[in-house]
Amino acid sequence: MNTEKVMARRLTVEEVSELGLQEEIFVSAELDDLSLDCHAPAFLTKPGKYFEGGSFTARTIFGNEVQVLPNNAEERGIWVADEAGEEIEVLQSAGVLLNLALFVPNGNKEALESLYTAAREAFGVGIVQRWNEEVVAVPDVKVDLFEEPVRGRKSASAQNRDRRALDIYPTRVRFMEASAGWKFIVEPHHEVIDDTPTI
């Protein structure tokens, strides 16, 4: 386990309530229900002033959400870096896991092998011990993607919808996320006709 010793101090509830989303903190390291005897770098999920009841939620850089009661002496609490503080152990990152959606034009098995070989040559054989891949054929059909508010009257009016993407493959749509409070509308692609008068 790769850890680093960091000088830090434990925060009170009042101090945590003044934190924003950009300030790095340290919370108990938990990985898939495995509690580790060290801390992990993290950030609050929302500004501290919006939490109530003295309980705060932080998301570690490893993607885990941790509920913390800073004033509970039985918990590790929330810490920030401070040279005048005490020494704590902080879990380090071993690398990053990429969850990618790749579109390979005219892709086949040989093209994928070339991709994997290039990745291993660039980063070493440790980059991939086992690929978890989903190879999906992409139909040669394109769609236009719009967003409409979840609530509101149904209408094709441009006032009630935003153009998100034109001329994309349907397979790409499932890797995109709609804006908060909006939903996707997928329609067959129609060429944009420029009817601007010309001289």
N, C-alpha and C. Protein backbone atom coordinates (compact mmCIF):
# COMPACT_ATOMS: atom_id res chain seq x y z
N MET A 1 0.86 -1.18 0.00
CA MET A 1 0.00 0.00 0.00
C MET A 1 0.89 1.23 0.00
N ASN A 2 0.69 2.11 -0.95
CA ASN A 2 1.53 3.29 -1.11
C ASN A 2 0.89 4.47 -0.39
N THR A 3 1.54 4.96 0.67
CA THR A 3 1.02 6.10 1.42
C THR A 3 2.10 7.17 1.56
N GLU A 4 1.65 8.37 1.90
CA GLU A 4 2.56 9.50 2.10
C GLU A 4 2.22 10.16 3.43
N LYS A 5 3.24 10.52 4.18
CA LYS A 5 3.01 11.20 5.45
C LYS A 5 2.79 12.69 5.19
N VAL A 6 1.70 13.23 5.74
CA VAL A 6 1.32 14.62 5.52
C VAL A 6 1.06 15.29 6.87
N MET A 7 1.53 16.51 7.02
CA MET A 7 1.23 17.30 8.22
C MET A 7 -0.14 17.93 8.03
N ALA A 8 -1.05 17.68 8.97
CA ALA A 8 -2.42 18.17 8.84
C ALA A 8 -3.03 18.40 10.21
N ARG A 9 -4.17 19.10 10.20
CA ARG A 9 -4.90 19.30 11.45
C ARG A 9 -6.38 18.97 11.22
N ARG A 10 -7.01 18.51 12.29
CA ARG A 10 -8.41 18.13 12.22
C ARG A 10 -9.30 19.36 12.36
N LEU A 11 -10.36 19.43 11.53
CA LEU A 11 -11.27 20.58 11.54
C LEU A 11 -12.47 20.33 12.45
N THR A 12 -13.01 21.42 12.98
CA THR A 12 -14.26 21.36 13.73
C THR A 12 -15.42 21.50 12.74
N VAL A 13 -16.64 21.29 13.23
CA VAL A 13 -17.83 21.45 12.39
C VAL A 13 -17.90 22.86 11.84
N GLU A 14 -17.58 23.85 12.68
CA GLU A 14 -17.66 25.25 12.24
C GLU A 14 -16.67 25.52 11.11
N GLU A 15 -15.46 24.95 11.21
CA GLU A 15 -14.45 25.16 10.17
C GLU A 15 -14.84 24.45 8.87
N VAL A 16 -15.40 23.25 8.98
CA VAL A 16 -15.83 22.52 7.78
C VAL A 16 -16.95 23.27 7.08
N SER A 17 -17.84 23.89 7.86
CA SER A 17 -18.98 24.60 7.26
C SER A 17 -18.53 25.81 6.44
N GLU A 18 -17.28 26.23 6.60
CA GLU A 18 -16.77 27.37 5.83
C GLU A 18 -16.02 26.94 4.57
N LEU A 19 -15.88 25.63 4.36
CA LEU A 19 -15.14 25.12 3.20
C LEU A 19 -15.98 25.18 1.93
N GLY A 20 -15.30 25.33 0.80
CA GLY A 20 -15.96 25.29 -0.50
C GLY A 20 -15.65 23.98 -1.21
N LEU A 21 -16.02 23.91 -2.48
CA LEU A 21 -15.84 22.67 -3.25
C LEU A 21 -14.41 22.47 -3.72
N GLN A 22 -13.63 23.55 -3.78
CA GLN A 22 -12.28 23.45 -4.36
C GLN A 22 -11.21 23.11 -3.34
N GLU A 23 -11.55 23.16 -2.06
CA GLU A 23 -10.53 22.98 -1.03
C GLU A 23 -10.31 21.50 -0.74
N GLU A 24 -9.05 21.06 -0.87
CA GLU A 24 -8.74 19.65 -0.65
C GLU A 24 -8.74 19.33 0.83
N ILE A 25 -9.37 18.24 1.17
CA ILE A 25 -9.43 17.76 2.55
C ILE A 25 -8.96 16.31 2.57
N PHE A 26 -8.85 15.75 3.77
CA PHE A 26 -8.48 14.34 3.93
C PHE A 26 -9.53 13.68 4.80
N VAL A 27 -10.05 12.55 4.34
CA VAL A 27 -11.04 11.79 5.12
C VAL A 27 -10.59 10.35 5.19
N SER A 28 -11.30 9.56 5.97
CA SER A 28 -10.97 8.15 6.13
C SER A 28 -10.98 7.45 4.77
N ALA A 29 -9.94 6.65 4.51
CA ALA A 29 -9.86 5.93 3.24
C ALA A 29 -10.74 4.69 3.30
N GLU A 30 -11.71 4.64 2.42
CA GLU A 30 -12.60 3.48 2.32
C GLU A 30 -12.69 3.08 0.86
N LEU A 31 -12.42 1.82 0.58
CA LEU A 31 -12.46 1.31 -0.79
C LEU A 31 -13.36 0.09 -0.85
N ASP A 32 -14.55 0.24 -1.45
CA ASP A 32 -15.47 -0.89 -1.61
C ASP A 32 -15.67 -1.63 -0.30
N ASP A 33 -16.15 -0.92 0.72
CA ASP A 33 -16.42 -1.49 2.05
C ASP A 33 -15.17 -1.98 2.76
N LEU A 34 -13.99 -1.62 2.27
CA LEU A 34 -12.75 -1.98 2.93
C LEU A 34 -12.20 -0.73 3.61
N SER A 35 -12.21 -0.71 4.93
CA SER A 35 -11.72 0.45 5.67
C SER A 35 -10.21 0.31 5.86
N LEU A 36 -9.47 1.31 5.42
CA LEU A 36 -8.02 1.29 5.52
C LEU A 36 -7.57 2.22 6.64
N ASP A 37 -6.47 1.87 7.27
CA ASP A 37 -5.99 2.64 8.41
C ASP A 37 -5.18 3.84 7.95
N CYS A 38 -5.80 4.68 7.13
CA CYS A 38 -5.15 5.89 6.65
C CYS A 38 -6.22 6.81 6.07
N HIS A 39 -5.80 7.95 5.55
CA HIS A 39 -6.71 8.93 4.98
C HIS A 39 -6.60 8.94 3.46
N ALA A 40 -7.59 9.59 2.83
CA ALA A 40 -7.58 9.73 1.37
C ALA A 40 -7.89 11.19 1.02
N PRO A 41 -7.24 11.73 -0.03
CA PRO A 41 -7.58 13.09 -0.48
C PRO A 41 -9.04 13.12 -0.94
N ALA A 42 -9.73 14.22 -0.64
CA ALA A 42 -11.16 14.29 -0.98
C ALA A 42 -11.58 15.74 -1.12
N PHE A 43 -12.85 15.92 -1.54
CA PHE A 43 -13.48 17.24 -1.63
C PHE A 43 -14.92 17.09 -1.16
N LEU A 44 -15.48 18.15 -0.58
CA LEU A 44 -16.89 18.12 -0.19
C LEU A 44 -17.76 18.01 -1.44
N THR A 45 -18.92 17.35 -1.31
CA THR A 45 -19.82 17.20 -2.45
C THR A 45 -20.65 18.46 -2.69
N LYS A 46 -20.75 19.31 -1.68
CA LYS A 46 -21.38 20.62 -1.82
C LYS A 46 -20.77 21.53 -0.76
N PRO A 47 -20.85 22.85 -0.94
CA PRO A 47 -20.23 23.75 0.04
C PRO A 47 -20.68 23.44 1.46
N GLY A 48 -19.74 23.57 2.40
CA GLY A 48 -20.02 23.21 3.78
C GLY A 48 -21.22 23.91 4.39
N LYS A 49 -21.50 25.14 3.97
CA LYS A 49 -22.60 25.90 4.57
C LYS A 49 -23.96 25.30 4.25
N TYR A 50 -24.04 24.41 3.24
CA TYR A 50 -25.33 23.84 2.86
C TYR A 50 -25.63 22.52 3.57
N PHE A 51 -24.69 22.01 4.37
CA PHE A 51 -24.96 20.79 5.12
C PHE A 51 -25.66 21.15 6.42
N GLU A 52 -26.49 20.22 6.91
CA GLU A 52 -27.20 20.45 8.16
C GLU A 52 -26.98 19.27 9.11
N GLY A 53 -27.07 19.53 10.38
CA GLY A 53 -26.99 18.47 11.38
C GLY A 53 -25.58 18.01 11.71
N GLY A 54 -24.57 18.73 11.21
CA GLY A 54 -23.20 18.36 11.57
C GLY A 54 -22.63 17.20 10.80
N SER A 55 -23.38 16.63 9.86
CA SER A 55 -22.89 15.52 9.04
C SER A 55 -22.53 16.04 7.65
N PHE A 56 -21.35 15.67 7.18
CA PHE A 56 -20.87 16.15 5.89
C PHE A 56 -20.58 14.96 4.98
N THR A 57 -20.74 15.18 3.67
CA THR A 57 -20.43 14.14 2.69
C THR A 57 -19.28 14.61 1.83
N ALA A 58 -18.26 13.75 1.74
CA ALA A 58 -17.08 14.07 0.92
C ALA A 58 -16.89 12.95 -0.09
N ARG A 59 -16.34 13.32 -1.25
CA ARG A 59 -16.02 12.33 -2.28
C ARG A 59 -14.51 12.26 -2.42
N THR A 60 -13.94 11.08 -2.23
CA THR A 60 -12.50 10.93 -2.35
C THR A 60 -12.09 10.94 -3.81
N ILE A 61 -10.80 11.15 -4.08
CA ILE A 61 -10.33 11.16 -5.46
C ILE A 61 -10.47 9.79 -6.10
N PHE A 62 -10.76 8.77 -5.29
CA PHE A 62 -10.95 7.42 -5.81
C PHE A 62 -12.42 7.13 -6.12
N GLY A 63 -13.28 8.17 -5.97
CA GLY A 63 -14.69 8.04 -6.37
C GLY A 63 -15.63 7.55 -5.29
N ASN A 64 -15.16 7.38 -4.06
CA ASN A 64 -16.02 6.89 -2.98
C ASN A 64 -16.58 8.05 -2.17
N GLU A 65 -17.86 7.96 -1.79
CA GLU A 65 -18.47 8.98 -0.94
C GLU A 65 -18.40 8.54 0.51
N VAL A 66 -18.00 9.45 1.38
CA VAL A 66 -17.82 9.15 2.80
C VAL A 66 -18.64 10.13 3.61
N GLN A 67 -19.45 9.61 4.55
CA GLN A 67 -20.21 10.44 5.48
C GLN A 67 -19.35 10.67 6.72
N VAL A 68 -19.22 11.94 7.13
CA VAL A 68 -18.33 12.27 8.24
C VAL A 68 -19.03 13.16 9.25
N LEU A 69 -18.86 12.84 10.53
CA LEU A 69 -19.28 13.70 11.63
C LEU A 69 -18.00 14.24 12.27
N PRO A 70 -17.58 15.45 11.90
CA PRO A 70 -16.27 15.96 12.36
C PRO A 70 -16.09 15.97 13.87
N ASN A 71 -17.17 16.20 14.62
CA ASN A 71 -17.04 16.29 16.08
C ASN A 71 -17.09 14.95 16.78
N ASN A 72 -17.29 13.87 16.04
CA ASN A 72 -17.35 12.54 16.64
C ASN A 72 -15.92 12.04 16.88
N ALA A 73 -15.54 11.92 18.15
CA ALA A 73 -14.17 11.53 18.50
C ALA A 73 -13.85 10.11 18.06
N GLU A 74 -14.89 9.28 17.81
CA GLU A 74 -14.64 7.90 17.40
C GLU A 74 -14.36 7.77 15.90
N GLU A 75 -14.59 8.85 15.15
CA GLU A 75 -14.30 8.84 13.71
C GLU A 75 -13.01 9.59 13.45
N ARG A 76 -12.47 9.38 12.24
CA ARG A 76 -11.21 10.06 11.88
C ARG A 76 -11.41 11.53 11.57
N GLY A 77 -12.64 11.93 11.23
CA GLY A 77 -12.93 13.34 10.99
C GLY A 77 -12.44 13.85 9.65
N ILE A 78 -12.42 15.17 9.53
CA ILE A 78 -11.98 15.85 8.31
C ILE A 78 -10.73 16.66 8.63
N TRP A 79 -9.72 16.51 7.78
CA TRP A 79 -8.44 17.15 8.01
C TRP A 79 -8.06 18.02 6.81
N VAL A 80 -7.21 19.02 7.08
CA VAL A 80 -6.62 19.83 6.00
C VAL A 80 -5.12 19.92 6.26
N ALA A 81 -4.37 20.12 5.17
CA ALA A 81 -2.92 20.23 5.30
C ALA A 81 -2.56 21.45 6.14
N ASP A 82 -1.64 21.25 7.08
CA ASP A 82 -1.20 22.34 7.96
C ASP A 82 0.16 21.95 8.53
N GLU A 83 1.18 22.74 8.20
CA GLU A 83 2.54 22.43 8.66
C GLU A 83 2.64 22.42 10.18
N ALA A 84 1.74 23.13 10.85
CA ALA A 84 1.78 23.18 12.31
C ALA A 84 0.96 22.06 12.95
N GLY A 85 0.38 21.18 12.11
CA GLY A 85 -0.47 20.12 12.64
C GLY A 85 0.31 18.88 13.02
N GLU A 86 -0.38 17.74 12.94
CA GLU A 86 0.24 16.46 13.26
C GLU A 86 0.34 15.60 12.00
N GLU A 87 1.10 14.54 12.10
CA GLU A 87 1.37 13.71 10.93
C GLU A 87 0.28 12.66 10.73
N ILE A 88 -0.24 12.59 9.51
CA ILE A 88 -1.21 11.54 9.16
C ILE A 88 -0.71 10.83 7.91
N GLU A 89 -1.23 9.62 7.69
CA GLU A 89 -0.86 8.86 6.50
C GLU A 89 -1.96 9.02 5.46
N VAL A 90 -1.56 9.37 4.22
CA VAL A 90 -2.52 9.61 3.14
C VAL A 90 -2.26 8.61 2.02
N LEU A 91 -3.32 7.91 1.62
CA LEU A 91 -3.22 6.92 0.55
C LEU A 91 -2.95 7.61 -0.78
N GLN A 92 -1.97 7.10 -1.52
CA GLN A 92 -1.60 7.69 -2.82
C GLN A 92 -2.28 6.94 -3.96
N SER A 93 -2.35 7.58 -5.10
CA SER A 93 -2.94 6.97 -6.29
C SER A 93 -1.92 6.07 -6.97
N ALA A 94 -2.37 4.91 -7.43
CA ALA A 94 -1.50 3.99 -8.16
C ALA A 94 -1.58 4.25 -9.66
N GLY A 95 -2.50 5.10 -10.07
CA GLY A 95 -2.71 5.37 -11.50
C GLY A 95 -4.15 5.78 -11.70
N VAL A 96 -4.60 5.79 -12.92
CA VAL A 96 -5.99 6.14 -13.21
C VAL A 96 -6.62 5.06 -14.07
N LEU A 97 -7.91 4.85 -13.86
CA LEU A 97 -8.67 3.90 -14.66
C LEU A 97 -9.52 4.70 -15.62
N LEU A 98 -9.33 4.49 -16.91
CA LEU A 98 -10.08 5.21 -17.92
C LEU A 98 -11.25 4.37 -18.39
N ASN A 99 -12.43 4.96 -18.37
CA ASN A 99 -13.61 4.29 -18.89
C ASN A 99 -13.96 5.04 -20.17
N LEU A 100 -13.47 4.52 -21.29
CA LEU A 100 -13.55 5.25 -22.55
C LEU A 100 -14.57 4.65 -23.51
N ALA A 101 -15.13 5.51 -24.32
CA ALA A 101 -15.94 5.07 -25.45
C ALA A 101 -15.18 5.50 -26.70
N LEU A 102 -14.65 4.55 -27.43
CA LEU A 102 -13.88 4.85 -28.63
C LEU A 102 -14.64 4.44 -29.87
N PHE A 103 -14.68 5.32 -30.84
CA PHE A 103 -15.26 4.97 -32.13
C PHE A 103 -14.11 4.78 -33.11
N VAL A 104 -13.98 3.57 -33.63
CA VAL A 104 -12.91 3.26 -34.57
C VAL A 104 -13.54 3.09 -35.96
N PRO A 105 -13.35 4.06 -36.85
CA PRO A 105 -13.94 3.95 -38.20
C PRO A 105 -13.45 2.68 -38.90
N ASN A 106 -14.37 1.93 -39.44
CA ASN A 106 -14.06 0.68 -40.13
C ASN A 106 -13.23 -0.25 -39.24
N GLY A 107 -13.50 -0.20 -37.93
CA GLY A 107 -12.70 -0.99 -36.98
C GLY A 107 -12.93 -2.48 -37.11
N ASN A 108 -11.88 -3.23 -36.86
CA ASN A 108 -11.96 -4.70 -36.83
C ASN A 108 -10.98 -5.20 -35.77
N LYS A 109 -10.82 -6.50 -35.68
CA LYS A 109 -9.96 -7.07 -34.64
C LYS A 109 -8.52 -6.59 -34.79
N GLU A 110 -8.03 -6.50 -36.02
CA GLU A 110 -6.65 -6.05 -36.24
C GLU A 110 -6.46 -4.61 -35.77
N ALA A 111 -7.46 -3.76 -36.01
CA ALA A 111 -7.37 -2.36 -35.59
C ALA A 111 -7.31 -2.26 -34.06
N LEU A 112 -8.12 -3.09 -33.37
CA LEU A 112 -8.11 -3.06 -31.91
C LEU A 112 -6.78 -3.55 -31.36
N GLU A 113 -6.22 -4.61 -31.96
CA GLU A 113 -4.92 -5.10 -31.50
C GLU A 113 -3.85 -4.03 -31.67
N SER A 114 -3.91 -3.28 -32.76
CA SER A 114 -2.95 -2.19 -32.97
C SER A 114 -3.10 -1.13 -31.88
N LEU A 115 -4.35 -0.84 -31.51
CA LEU A 115 -4.61 0.15 -30.47
C LEU A 115 -4.02 -0.31 -29.13
N TYR A 116 -4.26 -1.58 -28.77
CA TYR A 116 -3.77 -2.10 -27.50
C TYR A 116 -2.24 -2.14 -27.48
N THR A 117 -1.65 -2.53 -28.60
CA THR A 117 -0.19 -2.60 -28.68
C THR A 117 0.42 -1.22 -28.50
N ALA A 118 -0.16 -0.22 -29.14
CA ALA A 118 0.34 1.15 -29.02
C ALA A 118 0.22 1.64 -27.57
N ALA A 119 -0.88 1.30 -26.89
CA ALA A 119 -1.06 1.73 -25.51
C ALA A 119 -0.03 1.08 -24.60
N ARG A 120 0.25 -0.19 -24.82
CA ARG A 120 1.24 -0.89 -23.98
C ARG A 120 2.65 -0.35 -24.23
N GLU A 121 2.93 -0.01 -25.48
CA GLU A 121 4.25 0.54 -25.79
C GLU A 121 4.43 1.92 -25.16
N ALA A 122 3.35 2.68 -25.08
CA ALA A 122 3.44 4.03 -24.53
C ALA A 122 3.54 4.03 -23.01
N PHE A 123 2.83 3.10 -22.34
CA PHE A 123 2.75 3.14 -20.88
C PHE A 123 3.32 1.91 -20.19
N GLY A 124 3.78 0.92 -20.94
CA GLY A 124 4.30 -0.30 -20.32
C GLY A 124 3.24 -1.38 -20.25
N VAL A 125 3.69 -2.61 -20.07
CA VAL A 125 2.75 -3.74 -20.08
C VAL A 125 1.77 -3.69 -18.92
N GLY A 126 2.12 -2.94 -17.86
CA GLY A 126 1.23 -2.87 -16.71
C GLY A 126 -0.04 -2.09 -16.98
N ILE A 127 -0.13 -1.40 -18.11
CA ILE A 127 -1.31 -0.60 -18.40
C ILE A 127 -2.57 -1.45 -18.45
N VAL A 128 -2.45 -2.67 -19.01
CA VAL A 128 -3.63 -3.51 -19.16
C VAL A 128 -3.23 -4.96 -18.94
N GLN A 129 -3.81 -5.57 -17.94
CA GLN A 129 -3.61 -7.01 -17.77
C GLN A 129 -4.75 -7.77 -18.45
N ARG A 130 -5.92 -7.12 -18.42
CA ARG A 130 -7.08 -7.74 -19.06
C ARG A 130 -8.01 -6.63 -19.52
N TRP A 131 -8.32 -6.62 -20.79
CA TRP A 131 -9.22 -5.61 -21.33
C TRP A 131 -10.66 -6.06 -21.15
N ASN A 132 -11.46 -5.18 -20.63
CA ASN A 132 -12.89 -5.44 -20.54
C ASN A 132 -13.52 -4.61 -21.65
N GLU A 133 -13.70 -5.20 -22.79
CA GLU A 133 -14.14 -4.44 -23.94
C GLU A 133 -15.53 -4.86 -24.41
N GLU A 134 -16.19 -3.92 -24.97
CA GLU A 134 -17.49 -4.18 -25.59
C GLU A 134 -17.40 -3.64 -27.00
N VAL A 135 -17.37 -4.55 -27.94
CA VAL A 135 -17.25 -4.14 -29.34
C VAL A 135 -18.65 -4.13 -29.95
N VAL A 136 -19.06 -2.97 -30.39
CA VAL A 136 -20.41 -2.81 -30.93
C VAL A 136 -20.30 -2.23 -32.34
N ALA A 137 -20.94 -2.89 -33.27
CA ALA A 137 -20.97 -2.36 -34.63
C ALA A 137 -21.85 -1.12 -34.65
N VAL A 138 -21.39 -0.09 -35.35
CA VAL A 138 -22.14 1.17 -35.42
C VAL A 138 -22.87 1.23 -36.75
N PRO A 139 -24.20 1.29 -36.72
CA PRO A 139 -24.94 1.38 -37.99
C PRO A 139 -24.64 2.69 -38.69
N ASP A 140 -24.65 2.66 -39.99
CA ASP A 140 -24.34 3.86 -40.77
C ASP A 140 -25.59 4.73 -40.86
N VAL A 141 -26.06 5.15 -39.70
CA VAL A 141 -27.22 6.01 -39.59
C VAL A 141 -26.84 7.13 -38.64
N LYS A 142 -27.21 8.34 -38.97
CA LYS A 142 -26.88 9.45 -38.10
C LYS A 142 -28.15 10.09 -37.55
N VAL A 143 -28.02 10.69 -36.35
CA VAL A 143 -29.16 11.31 -35.69
C VAL A 143 -28.80 12.72 -35.26
N ASP A 144 -29.84 13.49 -34.95
CA ASP A 144 -29.67 14.81 -34.36
C ASP A 144 -30.13 14.71 -32.91
N LEU A 145 -29.39 15.33 -32.01
CA LEU A 145 -29.67 15.23 -30.59
C LEU A 145 -30.06 16.60 -30.04
N PHE A 146 -31.22 16.66 -29.40
CA PHE A 146 -31.71 17.90 -28.80
C PHE A 146 -31.97 17.66 -27.33
N GLU A 147 -32.07 18.75 -26.58
CA GLU A 147 -32.46 18.68 -25.18
C GLU A 147 -33.73 19.51 -24.97
N GLU A 148 -34.65 18.96 -24.18
CA GLU A 148 -35.86 19.69 -23.81
C GLU A 148 -36.01 19.64 -22.30
N PRO A 149 -36.61 20.66 -21.70
CA PRO A 149 -36.85 20.62 -20.24
C PRO A 149 -37.71 19.42 -19.89
N VAL A 150 -37.43 18.81 -18.74
CA VAL A 150 -38.22 17.65 -18.30
C VAL A 150 -39.67 18.04 -18.10
N ARG A 151 -39.88 19.23 -17.53
CA ARG A 151 -41.25 19.72 -17.35
C ARG A 151 -41.51 20.82 -18.35
N GLY A 152 -42.70 20.83 -18.89
CA GLY A 152 -43.04 21.84 -19.89
C GLY A 152 -43.84 21.21 -21.01
N ARG A 153 -44.51 22.06 -21.77
CA ARG A 153 -45.37 21.53 -22.83
C ARG A 153 -44.51 21.00 -23.98
N LYS A 154 -45.00 19.94 -24.58
CA LYS A 154 -44.27 19.35 -25.69
C LYS A 154 -44.42 20.22 -26.93
N SER A 155 -43.29 20.53 -27.52
CA SER A 155 -43.33 21.35 -28.71
C SER A 155 -42.02 21.22 -29.44
N ALA A 156 -42.07 21.30 -30.74
CA ALA A 156 -40.84 21.26 -31.53
C ALA A 156 -40.25 22.65 -31.68
N SER A 157 -40.87 23.59 -30.99
CA SER A 157 -40.41 24.98 -31.08
C SER A 157 -38.97 25.10 -30.61
N ALA A 158 -38.21 25.91 -31.30
CA ALA A 158 -36.81 26.12 -30.94
C ALA A 158 -36.69 26.78 -29.57
N GLN A 159 -37.78 27.44 -29.11
CA GLN A 159 -37.72 28.09 -27.81
C GLN A 159 -37.67 27.08 -26.67
N ASN A 160 -38.21 25.88 -26.88
CA ASN A 160 -38.29 24.88 -25.83
C ASN A 160 -37.26 23.78 -25.97
N ARG A 161 -36.32 23.94 -26.85
CA ARG A 161 -35.30 22.90 -27.02
C ARG A 161 -33.98 23.53 -27.38
N ASP A 162 -32.92 22.84 -27.00
CA ASP A 162 -31.58 23.27 -27.33
C ASP A 162 -30.93 22.22 -28.20
N ARG A 163 -30.22 22.67 -29.22
CA ARG A 163 -29.52 21.72 -30.08
C ARG A 163 -28.26 21.27 -29.36
N ARG A 164 -28.12 20.00 -29.12
CA ARG A 164 -26.95 19.47 -28.42
C ARG A 164 -25.90 18.97 -29.41
N ALA A 165 -26.34 18.24 -30.42
CA ALA A 165 -25.39 17.72 -31.40
C ALA A 165 -26.14 17.37 -32.67
N LEU A 166 -25.54 17.65 -33.80
CA LEU A 166 -26.11 17.28 -35.09
C LEU A 166 -25.19 16.26 -35.74
N ASP A 167 -25.80 15.36 -36.46
CA ASP A 167 -25.01 14.48 -37.33
C ASP A 167 -24.04 13.61 -36.51
N ILE A 168 -24.60 12.87 -35.52
CA ILE A 168 -23.77 11.93 -34.77
C ILE A 168 -24.37 10.53 -34.87
N TYR A 169 -23.58 9.53 -34.52
CA TYR A 169 -24.07 8.15 -34.56
C TYR A 169 -24.84 7.83 -33.29
N PRO A 170 -25.93 7.04 -33.42
CA PRO A 170 -26.76 6.72 -32.24
C PRO A 170 -25.95 6.08 -31.11
N THR A 171 -24.94 5.30 -31.46
CA THR A 171 -24.15 4.62 -30.44
C THR A 171 -23.47 5.61 -29.51
N ARG A 172 -23.13 6.79 -30.01
CA ARG A 172 -22.46 7.79 -29.17
C ARG A 172 -23.42 8.40 -28.16
N VAL A 173 -24.70 8.42 -28.48
CA VAL A 173 -25.67 9.11 -27.63
C VAL A 173 -25.70 8.50 -26.24
N ARG A 174 -25.55 7.17 -26.15
CA ARG A 174 -25.69 6.56 -24.83
C ARG A 174 -24.52 6.85 -23.91
N PHE A 175 -23.46 7.45 -24.43
CA PHE A 175 -22.33 7.82 -23.59
C PHE A 175 -22.41 9.29 -23.17
N MET A 176 -23.48 9.97 -23.56
CA MET A 176 -23.63 11.38 -23.20
C MET A 176 -24.66 11.51 -22.09
N GLU A 177 -24.54 12.57 -21.31
CA GLU A 177 -25.48 12.82 -20.23
C GLU A 177 -26.23 14.13 -20.49
N ALA A 178 -27.52 14.08 -20.24
CA ALA A 178 -28.33 15.29 -20.43
C ALA A 178 -28.03 16.28 -19.32
N SER A 179 -28.25 17.56 -19.58
CA SER A 179 -28.08 18.59 -18.58
C SER A 179 -29.10 18.41 -17.47
N ALA A 180 -28.80 18.91 -16.29
CA ALA A 180 -29.71 18.79 -15.15
C ALA A 180 -31.06 19.43 -15.48
N GLY A 181 -32.13 18.67 -15.28
CA GLY A 181 -33.48 19.18 -15.55
C GLY A 181 -33.90 19.10 -17.01
N TRP A 182 -33.06 18.49 -17.85
CA TRP A 182 -33.37 18.35 -19.26
C TRP A 182 -33.35 16.88 -19.66
N LYS A 183 -33.98 16.57 -20.78
CA LYS A 183 -33.98 15.20 -21.30
C LYS A 183 -33.59 15.24 -22.78
N PHE A 184 -33.09 14.12 -23.26
CA PHE A 184 -32.67 14.04 -24.64
C PHE A 184 -33.85 13.74 -25.57
N ILE A 185 -33.82 14.35 -26.73
CA ILE A 185 -34.74 14.03 -27.82
C ILE A 185 -33.86 13.64 -29.01
N VAL A 186 -34.03 12.41 -29.48
CA VAL A 186 -33.23 11.92 -30.60
C VAL A 186 -34.11 11.83 -31.84
N GLU A 187 -33.67 12.44 -32.92
CA GLU A 187 -34.44 12.43 -34.16
C GLU A 187 -33.54 12.02 -35.32
N PRO A 188 -34.10 11.43 -36.36
CA PRO A 188 -33.29 11.12 -37.55
C PRO A 188 -32.63 12.39 -38.07
N HIS A 189 -31.43 12.26 -38.55
CA HIS A 189 -30.67 13.43 -39.00
C HIS A 189 -31.30 14.05 -40.25
N HIS A 190 -31.43 15.37 -40.20
CA HIS A 190 -31.90 16.12 -41.36
C HIS A 190 -30.83 17.15 -41.70
N GLU A 191 -30.47 17.20 -42.95
CA GLU A 191 -29.46 18.17 -43.36
C GLU A 191 -29.97 19.58 -43.09
N VAL A 192 -29.09 20.42 -42.56
CA VAL A 192 -29.45 21.82 -42.31
C VAL A 192 -29.42 22.56 -43.64
N ILE A 193 -30.58 23.13 -43.98
CA ILE A 193 -30.68 23.85 -45.24
C ILE A 193 -30.54 25.34 -44.97
N ASP A 194 -29.56 25.94 -45.58
CA ASP A 194 -29.35 27.37 -45.40
C ASP A 194 -30.21 28.12 -46.42
N ASP A 195 -31.31 28.71 -45.92
CA ASP A 195 -32.22 29.43 -46.81
C ASP A 195 -31.98 30.94 -46.75
N THR A 196 -30.75 31.32 -46.36
CA THR A 196 -30.43 32.76 -46.34
C THR A 196 -30.42 33.28 -47.77
N PRO A 197 -31.17 34.35 -48.01
CA PRO A 197 -31.19 34.89 -49.41
C PRO A 197 -29.80 35.34 -49.86
N THR A 198 -29.49 35.05 -51.07
CA THR A 198 -28.21 35.49 -51.62
C THR A 198 -28.45 36.48 -52.76
N ILE A 199 -27.48 37.28 -53.03
CA ILE A 199 -27.62 38.28 -54.09
C ILE A 199 -27.18 37.67 -55.41
